[in-house]
Amino acid sequence: MKDIEYIVGVYNYINAFPELHSDSAYYLLYLLDEKGLLDPAAAHILYDEKFKSELSSANIHQKMIGPFDSTDHLNQFAFQLCEELNAEKVSLLSVQEYNALLESSQLASDFHRDLVEKGNVMENIERKKKGFLSRFF
């Protein structure tokens, strides 16, 4: 598997099931990497194995990943996904932050750079260690 340079996650705080009178929660709407939309299969598997709760048992929104009770849980999930996919870093942006970047960027390259550098950025330090040690072994 080729290493992924970065992952960008776009999330929103919504009530996905208003007809069930459920509470609002955080949902990952999009996952991107340097090539574009990331296949969400690995993310769904990780969520089902380690983060699924009673809230998510009725989740019929296969395009979204969640629910997450808090941004802390969302951050934990994103970092574990980053480690599992061996990405260098992950950046989480809210829909509002994403839209603000889109409106303020003059060039596509600026928008691309800001996607990776803005938001909540977490680096996968283990990947850097492995990369450094792999030079010697």
N, C-alpha and C. Protein backbone atom coordinates (compact mmCIF):
# COMPACT_ATOMS: atom_id res chain seq x y z
N MET A 1 0.83 -1.18 0.00
CA MET A 1 0.00 0.00 0.00
C MET A 1 0.88 1.24 0.00
N LYS A 2 0.64 2.16 -0.91
CA LYS A 2 1.39 3.39 -0.99
C LYS A 2 0.96 4.32 0.15
N ASP A 3 1.93 4.96 0.76
CA ASP A 3 1.63 5.88 1.84
C ASP A 3 0.87 7.09 1.32
N ILE A 4 -0.02 7.58 2.17
CA ILE A 4 -0.80 8.76 1.85
C ILE A 4 -0.11 9.95 2.48
N GLU A 5 0.04 11.01 1.73
CA GLU A 5 0.71 12.19 2.26
C GLU A 5 -0.12 12.85 3.37
N TYR A 6 -1.41 13.05 3.12
CA TYR A 6 -2.27 13.68 4.12
C TYR A 6 -3.72 13.26 3.89
N ILE A 7 -4.52 13.49 4.92
CA ILE A 7 -5.97 13.28 4.86
C ILE A 7 -6.62 14.57 5.34
N VAL A 8 -7.63 15.01 4.64
CA VAL A 8 -8.44 16.16 5.06
C VAL A 8 -9.85 15.64 5.30
N GLY A 9 -10.37 15.91 6.48
CA GLY A 9 -11.74 15.54 6.81
C GLY A 9 -12.59 16.78 6.98
N VAL A 10 -13.76 16.78 6.35
CA VAL A 10 -14.71 17.88 6.49
C VAL A 10 -15.90 17.34 7.28
N TYR A 11 -16.21 18.01 8.38
CA TYR A 11 -17.28 17.53 9.26
C TYR A 11 -18.34 18.60 9.49
N ASN A 12 -19.48 18.15 10.01
CA ASN A 12 -20.55 19.07 10.36
C ASN A 12 -21.25 18.57 11.61
N TYR A 13 -21.85 19.48 12.33
CA TYR A 13 -22.65 19.17 13.51
C TYR A 13 -24.11 19.26 13.09
N ILE A 14 -24.75 18.10 12.95
CA ILE A 14 -26.12 18.06 12.43
C ILE A 14 -26.96 17.04 13.18
N ASN A 15 -28.25 17.13 12.97
CA ASN A 15 -29.18 16.11 13.44
C ASN A 15 -29.54 15.26 12.22
N ALA A 16 -28.91 14.11 12.12
CA ALA A 16 -29.09 13.25 10.94
C ALA A 16 -30.44 12.55 10.93
N PHE A 17 -31.07 12.43 12.09
CA PHE A 17 -32.34 11.71 12.19
C PHE A 17 -33.40 12.53 12.92
N PRO A 18 -33.83 13.64 12.36
CA PRO A 18 -34.82 14.45 13.07
C PRO A 18 -36.15 13.72 13.26
N GLU A 19 -36.44 12.81 12.34
CA GLU A 19 -37.70 12.06 12.46
C GLU A 19 -37.69 11.12 13.67
N LEU A 20 -36.51 10.77 14.16
CA LEU A 20 -36.39 9.91 15.34
C LEU A 20 -36.21 10.73 16.62
N HIS A 21 -36.26 12.06 16.49
CA HIS A 21 -36.06 12.98 17.61
C HIS A 21 -34.71 12.73 18.28
N SER A 22 -33.71 12.47 17.47
CA SER A 22 -32.38 12.23 18.01
C SER A 22 -31.65 13.55 18.23
N ASP A 23 -30.56 13.48 18.98
CA ASP A 23 -29.75 14.66 19.23
C ASP A 23 -28.80 14.91 18.06
N SER A 24 -28.33 16.12 17.96
CA SER A 24 -27.34 16.44 16.96
C SER A 24 -26.00 15.85 17.36
N ALA A 25 -25.17 15.60 16.38
CA ALA A 25 -23.85 15.03 16.62
C ALA A 25 -22.93 15.45 15.48
N TYR A 26 -21.65 15.13 15.64
CA TYR A 26 -20.66 15.42 14.60
C TYR A 26 -20.60 14.26 13.62
N TYR A 27 -20.56 14.58 12.34
CA TYR A 27 -20.45 13.58 11.27
C TYR A 27 -19.36 14.02 10.30
N LEU A 28 -18.55 13.08 9.89
CA LEU A 28 -17.58 13.33 8.82
C LEU A 28 -18.32 13.22 7.50
N LEU A 29 -18.29 14.28 6.72
CA LEU A 29 -19.00 14.30 5.44
C LEU A 29 -18.11 13.87 4.29
N TYR A 30 -16.85 14.34 4.30
CA TYR A 30 -15.92 14.05 3.21
C TYR A 30 -14.55 13.73 3.75
N LEU A 31 -13.88 12.81 3.09
CA LEU A 31 -12.47 12.52 3.35
C LEU A 31 -11.72 12.70 2.04
N LEU A 32 -10.67 13.50 2.10
CA LEU A 32 -9.88 13.79 0.91
C LEU A 32 -8.42 13.41 1.17
N ASP A 33 -7.73 13.07 0.11
CA ASP A 33 -6.28 12.92 0.18
C ASP A 33 -5.68 13.73 -0.96
N GLU A 34 -4.40 13.57 -1.22
CA GLU A 34 -3.76 14.39 -2.25
C GLU A 34 -4.30 14.14 -3.65
N LYS A 35 -5.00 13.02 -3.85
CA LYS A 35 -5.54 12.69 -5.17
C LYS A 35 -7.00 13.10 -5.35
N GLY A 36 -7.69 13.40 -4.26
CA GLY A 36 -9.11 13.75 -4.34
C GLY A 36 -9.89 13.05 -3.25
N LEU A 37 -11.11 12.64 -3.57
CA LEU A 37 -11.94 11.95 -2.59
C LEU A 37 -11.30 10.61 -2.21
N LEU A 38 -11.24 10.37 -0.92
CA LEU A 38 -10.67 9.14 -0.39
C LEU A 38 -11.77 8.10 -0.29
N ASP A 39 -11.47 6.88 -0.65
CA ASP A 39 -12.44 5.79 -0.52
C ASP A 39 -12.78 5.62 0.96
N PRO A 40 -14.05 5.77 1.34
CA PRO A 40 -14.40 5.74 2.76
C PRO A 40 -14.49 4.34 3.37
N ALA A 41 -14.19 3.29 2.61
CA ALA A 41 -14.34 1.92 3.11
C ALA A 41 -13.53 1.69 4.39
N ALA A 42 -12.27 2.07 4.40
CA ALA A 42 -11.42 1.86 5.58
C ALA A 42 -11.95 2.67 6.76
N ALA A 43 -12.45 3.86 6.49
CA ALA A 43 -12.99 4.70 7.56
C ALA A 43 -14.25 4.07 8.16
N HIS A 44 -15.12 3.52 7.34
CA HIS A 44 -16.33 2.86 7.84
C HIS A 44 -15.97 1.63 8.68
N ILE A 45 -14.99 0.87 8.24
CA ILE A 45 -14.57 -0.32 8.98
C ILE A 45 -14.01 0.08 10.34
N LEU A 46 -13.12 1.08 10.36
CA LEU A 46 -12.55 1.56 11.62
C LEU A 46 -13.65 2.07 12.55
N TYR A 47 -14.60 2.81 12.01
CA TYR A 47 -15.68 3.34 12.83
C TYR A 47 -16.50 2.20 13.44
N ASP A 48 -16.85 1.22 12.61
CA ASP A 48 -17.66 0.10 13.09
C ASP A 48 -16.93 -0.70 14.16
N GLU A 49 -15.61 -0.85 14.03
CA GLU A 49 -14.84 -1.65 14.98
C GLU A 49 -14.60 -0.94 16.30
N LYS A 50 -14.35 0.37 16.27
CA LYS A 50 -13.87 1.04 17.48
C LYS A 50 -14.73 2.18 17.99
N PHE A 51 -15.64 2.69 17.19
CA PHE A 51 -16.37 3.89 17.61
C PHE A 51 -17.88 3.74 17.58
N LYS A 52 -18.38 2.66 17.03
CA LYS A 52 -19.81 2.50 16.89
C LYS A 52 -20.49 2.44 18.25
N SER A 53 -21.63 3.09 18.35
CA SER A 53 -22.38 3.11 19.61
C SER A 53 -23.86 2.87 19.31
N GLU A 54 -24.66 2.97 20.35
CA GLU A 54 -26.10 2.80 20.17
C GLU A 54 -26.65 3.88 19.24
N LEU A 55 -26.06 5.06 19.31
CA LEU A 55 -26.50 6.16 18.45
C LEU A 55 -26.35 5.83 16.98
N SER A 56 -25.29 5.10 16.66
CA SER A 56 -24.99 4.85 15.26
C SER A 56 -25.61 3.57 14.73
N SER A 57 -26.26 2.79 15.57
CA SER A 57 -26.82 1.52 15.09
C SER A 57 -27.91 1.74 14.05
N ALA A 58 -28.56 2.90 14.10
CA ALA A 58 -29.61 3.19 13.12
C ALA A 58 -29.09 4.04 11.96
N ASN A 59 -27.77 4.22 11.89
CA ASN A 59 -27.21 5.11 10.87
C ASN A 59 -27.38 4.51 9.48
N ILE A 60 -28.24 5.13 8.71
CA ILE A 60 -28.45 4.67 7.34
C ILE A 60 -27.74 5.57 6.33
N HIS A 61 -27.07 6.59 6.82
CA HIS A 61 -26.34 7.51 5.97
C HIS A 61 -24.95 6.94 5.71
N GLN A 62 -24.82 6.09 4.71
CA GLN A 62 -23.55 5.45 4.43
C GLN A 62 -22.50 6.41 3.89
N LYS A 63 -22.92 7.57 3.42
CA LYS A 63 -21.94 8.53 2.92
C LYS A 63 -21.28 9.29 4.04
N MET A 64 -21.92 9.38 5.19
CA MET A 64 -21.35 10.08 6.34
C MET A 64 -20.78 9.05 7.31
N ILE A 65 -19.80 9.49 8.08
CA ILE A 65 -19.22 8.63 9.10
C ILE A 65 -19.53 9.28 10.44
N GLY A 66 -20.15 8.53 11.31
CA GLY A 66 -20.53 9.06 12.61
C GLY A 66 -21.78 8.38 13.11
N PRO A 67 -22.31 8.82 14.19
CA PRO A 67 -22.10 10.08 14.89
C PRO A 67 -20.93 10.01 15.88
N PHE A 68 -20.41 11.21 16.18
CA PHE A 68 -19.41 11.38 17.22
C PHE A 68 -19.99 12.35 18.24
N ASP A 69 -19.87 12.01 19.52
CA ASP A 69 -20.43 12.82 20.59
C ASP A 69 -19.78 14.19 20.70
N SER A 70 -18.48 14.22 20.43
CA SER A 70 -17.72 15.46 20.62
C SER A 70 -16.62 15.57 19.58
N THR A 71 -16.02 16.74 19.52
CA THR A 71 -14.89 16.91 18.61
C THR A 71 -13.69 16.09 19.09
N ASP A 72 -13.61 15.82 20.40
CA ASP A 72 -12.53 14.95 20.90
C ASP A 72 -12.63 13.56 20.30
N HIS A 73 -13.83 12.99 20.28
CA HIS A 73 -14.03 11.66 19.68
C HIS A 73 -13.75 11.70 18.18
N LEU A 74 -14.16 12.77 17.53
CA LEU A 74 -13.90 12.94 16.10
C LEU A 74 -12.39 13.01 15.85
N ASN A 75 -11.67 13.75 16.69
CA ASN A 75 -10.21 13.84 16.57
C ASN A 75 -9.54 12.49 16.78
N GLN A 76 -10.00 11.75 17.77
CA GLN A 76 -9.44 10.41 18.02
C GLN A 76 -9.64 9.51 16.81
N PHE A 77 -10.82 9.53 16.25
CA PHE A 77 -11.11 8.73 15.07
C PHE A 77 -10.20 9.14 13.91
N ALA A 78 -10.10 10.43 13.66
CA ALA A 78 -9.29 10.92 12.54
C ALA A 78 -7.83 10.53 12.71
N PHE A 79 -7.32 10.62 13.92
CA PHE A 79 -5.92 10.25 14.14
C PHE A 79 -5.71 8.75 13.95
N GLN A 80 -6.64 7.93 14.42
CA GLN A 80 -6.52 6.48 14.23
C GLN A 80 -6.59 6.13 12.74
N LEU A 81 -7.44 6.82 12.01
CA LEU A 81 -7.53 6.60 10.56
C LEU A 81 -6.21 7.00 9.90
N CYS A 82 -5.64 8.08 10.34
CA CYS A 82 -4.35 8.55 9.83
C CYS A 82 -3.27 7.49 10.06
N GLU A 83 -3.26 6.90 11.25
CA GLU A 83 -2.28 5.85 11.55
C GLU A 83 -2.54 4.60 10.71
N GLU A 84 -3.81 4.21 10.60
CA GLU A 84 -4.14 3.00 9.86
C GLU A 84 -3.79 3.11 8.38
N LEU A 85 -4.00 4.28 7.79
CA LEU A 85 -3.69 4.49 6.38
C LEU A 85 -2.25 4.95 6.16
N ASN A 86 -1.51 5.07 7.26
CA ASN A 86 -0.11 5.49 7.25
C ASN A 86 0.06 6.84 6.55
N ALA A 87 -0.84 7.75 6.86
CA ALA A 87 -0.75 9.12 6.32
C ALA A 87 0.20 9.93 7.19
N GLU A 88 0.79 10.93 6.60
CA GLU A 88 1.73 11.78 7.33
C GLU A 88 1.00 12.67 8.34
N LYS A 89 -0.20 13.17 7.95
CA LYS A 89 -0.98 14.01 8.85
C LYS A 89 -2.44 14.01 8.43
N VAL A 90 -3.27 14.48 9.35
CA VAL A 90 -4.70 14.62 9.08
C VAL A 90 -5.12 16.01 9.53
N SER A 91 -5.98 16.63 8.75
CA SER A 91 -6.50 17.96 9.06
C SER A 91 -8.02 17.88 9.05
N LEU A 92 -8.64 18.35 10.13
CA LEU A 92 -10.10 18.37 10.22
C LEU A 92 -10.61 19.79 10.13
N LEU A 93 -11.58 19.99 9.24
CA LEU A 93 -12.19 21.29 9.05
C LEU A 93 -13.70 21.16 9.15
N SER A 94 -14.33 22.13 9.78
CA SER A 94 -15.80 22.16 9.77
C SER A 94 -16.27 22.62 8.40
N VAL A 95 -17.51 22.40 8.11
CA VAL A 95 -18.08 22.86 6.84
C VAL A 95 -17.93 24.37 6.71
N GLN A 96 -18.12 25.09 7.81
CA GLN A 96 -18.00 26.54 7.79
C GLN A 96 -16.56 26.96 7.47
N GLU A 97 -15.57 26.28 8.07
CA GLU A 97 -14.17 26.60 7.79
C GLU A 97 -13.83 26.28 6.33
N TYR A 98 -14.34 25.16 5.84
CA TYR A 98 -14.11 24.76 4.45
C TYR A 98 -14.67 25.81 3.49
N ASN A 99 -15.90 26.23 3.75
CA ASN A 99 -16.54 27.24 2.88
C ASN A 99 -15.79 28.58 2.93
N ALA A 100 -15.31 28.97 4.12
CA ALA A 100 -14.56 30.22 4.25
C ALA A 100 -13.26 30.13 3.44
N LEU A 101 -12.58 29.00 3.48
CA LEU A 101 -11.36 28.82 2.68
C LEU A 101 -11.68 28.92 1.20
N LEU A 102 -12.76 28.29 0.80
CA LEU A 102 -13.16 28.30 -0.60
C LEU A 102 -13.43 29.72 -1.10
N GLU A 103 -14.10 30.51 -0.27
CA GLU A 103 -14.43 31.88 -0.65
C GLU A 103 -13.21 32.80 -0.65
N SER A 104 -12.27 32.57 0.26
CA SER A 104 -11.15 33.49 0.39
C SER A 104 -9.96 33.14 -0.50
N SER A 105 -9.92 31.96 -1.05
CA SER A 105 -8.78 31.55 -1.87
C SER A 105 -8.89 32.13 -3.28
N GLN A 106 -7.79 32.71 -3.73
CA GLN A 106 -7.73 33.27 -5.07
C GLN A 106 -7.31 32.22 -6.09
N LEU A 107 -6.41 31.33 -5.67
CA LEU A 107 -5.87 30.31 -6.57
C LEU A 107 -6.17 28.92 -6.03
N ALA A 108 -6.28 27.97 -6.93
CA ALA A 108 -6.52 26.59 -6.51
C ALA A 108 -5.38 26.07 -5.64
N SER A 109 -4.15 26.49 -5.95
CA SER A 109 -3.00 26.04 -5.15
C SER A 109 -3.08 26.58 -3.72
N ASP A 110 -3.59 27.81 -3.55
CA ASP A 110 -3.77 28.37 -2.21
C ASP A 110 -4.82 27.58 -1.44
N PHE A 111 -5.91 27.27 -2.11
CA PHE A 111 -6.97 26.50 -1.47
C PHE A 111 -6.46 25.12 -1.06
N HIS A 112 -5.73 24.47 -1.93
CA HIS A 112 -5.16 23.15 -1.65
C HIS A 112 -4.22 23.21 -0.46
N ARG A 113 -3.34 24.20 -0.43
CA ARG A 113 -2.39 24.36 0.68
C ARG A 113 -3.14 24.62 1.99
N ASP A 114 -4.14 25.50 1.96
CA ASP A 114 -4.89 25.85 3.16
C ASP A 114 -5.70 24.67 3.70
N LEU A 115 -6.19 23.82 2.81
CA LEU A 115 -6.92 22.63 3.27
C LEU A 115 -6.05 21.79 4.20
N VAL A 116 -4.79 21.68 3.87
CA VAL A 116 -3.87 20.84 4.63
C VAL A 116 -3.35 21.55 5.87
N GLU A 117 -3.16 22.86 5.79
CA GLU A 117 -2.51 23.58 6.87
C GLU A 117 -3.47 24.20 7.88
N LYS A 118 -4.71 24.43 7.50
CA LYS A 118 -5.68 25.06 8.40
C LYS A 118 -6.50 23.99 9.10
N GLY A 119 -7.30 24.41 10.04
CA GLY A 119 -8.12 23.45 10.77
C GLY A 119 -7.34 22.80 11.89
N ASN A 120 -7.81 21.68 12.34
CA ASN A 120 -7.15 20.93 13.42
C ASN A 120 -6.21 19.92 12.77
N VAL A 121 -4.92 20.21 12.75
CA VAL A 121 -3.93 19.37 12.09
C VAL A 121 -3.24 18.49 13.13
N MET A 122 -3.22 17.18 12.85
CA MET A 122 -2.53 16.22 13.72
C MET A 122 -1.54 15.44 12.88
N GLU A 123 -0.28 15.39 13.33
CA GLU A 123 0.76 14.69 12.59
C GLU A 123 0.97 13.29 13.13
N ASN A 124 1.25 12.38 12.22
CA ASN A 124 1.52 10.99 12.56
C ASN A 124 3.02 10.85 12.80
N ILE A 125 3.43 11.03 14.03
CA ILE A 125 4.86 11.01 14.39
C ILE A 125 5.45 9.62 14.15
N GLU A 126 4.67 8.57 14.35
CA GLU A 126 5.17 7.21 14.14
C GLU A 126 5.63 7.00 12.70
N ARG A 127 4.94 7.60 11.76
CA ARG A 127 5.34 7.44 10.35
C ARG A 127 6.70 8.07 10.12
N LYS A 128 6.94 9.22 10.72
CA LYS A 128 8.23 9.88 10.56
C LYS A 128 9.34 9.04 11.17
N LYS A 129 9.07 8.42 12.33
CA LYS A 129 10.07 7.57 12.96
C LYS A 129 10.40 6.38 12.08
N LYS A 130 9.35 5.74 11.55
CA LYS A 130 9.55 4.58 10.68
C LYS A 130 10.31 4.98 9.43
N GLY A 131 9.98 6.13 8.87
CA GLY A 131 10.66 6.60 7.67
C GLY A 131 12.13 6.86 7.93
N PHE A 132 12.45 7.43 9.09
CA PHE A 132 13.83 7.72 9.44
C PHE A 132 14.61 6.43 9.68
N LEU A 133 14.03 5.50 10.44
CA LEU A 133 14.71 4.24 10.74
C LEU A 133 14.83 3.32 9.53
N SER A 134 13.88 3.43 8.62
CA SER A 134 13.92 2.56 7.44
C SER A 134 15.11 2.86 6.55
N ARG A 135 15.69 4.04 6.70
CA ARG A 135 16.88 4.38 5.93
C ARG A 135 18.09 3.55 6.36
N PHE A 136 18.08 3.11 7.61
CA PHE A 136 19.21 2.38 8.15
C PHE A 136 19.04 0.87 8.04
N PHE A 137 17.81 0.41 7.90
CA PHE A 137 17.57 -1.05 7.88
C PHE A 137 17.05 -1.52 6.55
